[in-house]
Amino acid sequence: MQVEARIIINSNPNLKKYLKEHSTWYKYLNRDVRFLKKMEEEMKKEYKLTTEDRIEKIGESINLVSNLLSVLK
């Protein structure tokens, strides 16, 4: 694996954890560093770190607070 890919993976704990859990990515990263972007996308989908997931989480939090306030009235 190229040095730049190792630096990126070691700087991001989520990527490092994902790579340990899905070791088949080592094969792809050894072939081409461009697979790092694809791996990062897959990691974000699995760990629910995408923008859509964050917006959904905020919506659920707002809904929870609104339900709590309606119960307290």
C-alpha atoms as a PDB file:
ATOM      1  CA  MET A   1       0.000   0.000   0.000  1.00  0.00           C
ATOM      2  CA  GLN A   2       1.293   3.450  -0.834  1.00  0.00           C
ATOM      3  CA  VAL A   3       2.447   5.805   1.880  1.00  0.00           C
ATOM      4  CA  GLU A   4      -0.191   8.444   1.149  1.00  0.00           C
ATOM      5  CA  ALA A   5      -2.980   5.877   1.594  1.00  0.00           C
ATOM      6  CA  ARG A   6      -1.509   4.734   4.905  1.00  0.00           C
ATOM      7  CA  ILE A   7      -1.304   8.319   6.157  1.00  0.00           C
ATOM      8  CA  ILE A   8      -4.944   8.979   5.249  1.00  0.00           C
ATOM      9  CA  ILE A   9      -6.135   5.744   6.861  1.00  0.00           C
ATOM     10  CA  ASN A  10      -4.113   6.255  10.038  1.00  0.00           C
ATOM     11  CA  SER A  11      -5.381   9.829  10.399  1.00  0.00           C
ATOM     12  CA  ASN A  12      -9.027   8.703  10.330  1.00  0.00           C
ATOM     13  CA  PRO A  13      -9.973   6.254  13.130  1.00  0.00           C
ATOM     14  CA  ASN A  14     -13.218   5.274  11.369  1.00  0.00           C
ATOM     15  CA  LEU A  15     -11.357   4.318   8.192  1.00  0.00           C
ATOM     16  CA  LYS A  16      -8.803   2.359  10.191  1.00  0.00           C
ATOM     17  CA  LYS A  17     -11.544   0.461  12.031  1.00  0.00           C
ATOM     18  CA  TYR A  18     -13.444  -0.199   8.800  1.00  0.00           C
ATOM     19  CA  LEU A  19     -10.313  -1.536   7.112  1.00  0.00           C
ATOM     20  CA  LYS A  20      -9.706  -3.919  10.011  1.00  0.00           C
ATOM     21  CA  GLU A  21     -13.294  -5.162   9.813  1.00  0.00           C
ATOM     22  CA  HIS A  22     -13.265  -5.496   6.002  1.00  0.00           C
ATOM     23  CA  SER A  23      -9.785  -6.703   5.178  1.00  0.00           C
ATOM     24  CA  THR A  24     -10.640  -7.382   1.538  1.00  0.00           C
ATOM     25  CA  TRP A  25     -10.038  -3.677   0.920  1.00  0.00           C
ATOM     26  CA  TYR A  26      -6.291  -4.257   1.399  1.00  0.00           C
ATOM     27  CA  LYS A  27      -6.236  -6.064  -1.940  1.00  0.00           C
ATOM     28  CA  TYR A  28      -7.878  -3.154  -3.739  1.00  0.00           C
ATOM     29  CA  LEU A  29      -5.770  -0.503  -2.015  1.00  0.00           C
ATOM     30  CA  ASN A  30      -2.582  -2.334  -2.935  1.00  0.00           C
ATOM     31  CA  ARG A  31      -3.629  -2.244  -6.586  1.00  0.00           C
ATOM     32  CA  ASP A  32      -4.707   1.390  -6.758  1.00  0.00           C
ATOM     33  CA  VAL A  33      -4.990   4.234  -4.262  1.00  0.00           C
ATOM     34  CA  ARG A  34      -8.100   5.526  -6.019  1.00  0.00           C
ATOM     35  CA  PHE A  35     -10.079   2.763  -4.279  1.00  0.00           C
ATOM     36  CA  LEU A  36      -9.575   4.711  -1.046  1.00  0.00           C
ATOM     37  CA  LYS A  37     -12.388   7.085  -2.034  1.00  0.00           C
ATOM     38  CA  LYS A  38     -14.753   4.147  -2.681  1.00  0.00           C
ATOM     39  CA  MET A  39     -13.793   2.567   0.645  1.00  0.00           C
ATOM     40  CA  GLU A  40     -14.460   5.850   2.421  1.00  0.00           C
ATOM     41  CA  GLU A  41     -17.932   6.055   0.842  1.00  0.00           C
ATOM     42  CA  GLU A  42     -18.717   2.490   1.924  1.00  0.00           C
ATOM     43  CA  MET A  43     -17.491   3.239   5.447  1.00  0.00           C
ATOM     44  CA  LYS A  44     -19.717   6.317   5.686  1.00  0.00           C
ATOM     45  CA  LYS A  45     -22.731   4.291   4.548  1.00  0.00           C
ATOM     46  CA  GLU A  46     -22.085   1.530   7.075  1.00  0.00           C
ATOM     47  CA  TYR A  47     -21.360   3.843  10.017  1.00  0.00           C
ATOM     48  CA  LYS A  48     -24.197   6.208   9.009  1.00  0.00           C
ATOM     49  CA  LEU A  49     -21.954   9.244   8.599  1.00  0.00           C
ATOM     50  CA  THR A  50     -23.441  10.522   5.354  1.00  0.00           C
ATOM     51  CA  THR A  51     -25.143  13.908   5.135  1.00  0.00           C
ATOM     52  CA  GLU A  52     -28.538  12.259   4.743  1.00  0.00           C
ATOM     53  CA  ASP A  53     -27.999  10.218   7.908  1.00  0.00           C
ATOM     54  CA  ARG A  54     -26.991  13.317   9.877  1.00  0.00           C
ATOM     55  CA  ILE A  55     -30.056  15.242   8.687  1.00  0.00           C
ATOM     56  CA  GLU A  56     -32.267  12.282   9.619  1.00  0.00           C
ATOM     57  CA  LYS A  57     -30.692  12.141  13.080  1.00  0.00           C
ATOM     58  CA  ILE A  58     -31.327  15.874  13.603  1.00  0.00           C
ATOM     59  CA  GLY A  59     -34.931  15.432  12.464  1.00  0.00           C
ATOM     60  CA  GLU A  60     -35.434  12.584  14.913  1.00  0.00           C
ATOM     61  CA  SER A  61     -33.964  14.691  17.728  1.00  0.00           C
ATOM     62  CA  ILE A  62     -36.275  17.600  16.924  1.00  0.00           C
ATOM     63  CA  ASN A  63     -39.244  15.232  16.798  1.00  0.00           C
ATOM     64  CA  LEU A  64     -38.288  13.759  20.167  1.00  0.00           C
ATOM     65  CA  VAL A  65     -38.011  17.199  21.769  1.00  0.00           C
ATOM     66  CA  SER A  66     -41.334  18.288  20.260  1.00  0.00           C
ATOM     67  CA  ASN A  67     -43.050  15.136  21.559  1.00  0.00           C
ATOM     68  CA  LEU A  68     -41.534  15.685  24.997  1.00  0.00           C
ATOM     69  CA  LEU A  69     -42.743  19.299  25.073  1.00  0.00           C
ATOM     70  CA  SER A  70     -46.267  18.259  24.018  1.00  0.00           C
ATOM     71  CA  VAL A  71     -46.380  15.694  26.835  1.00  0.00           C
ATOM     72  CA  LEU A  72     -45.259  18.286  29.389  1.00  0.00           C
ATOM     73  CA  LYS A  73     -48.060  20.741  28.420  1.00  0.00           C
END
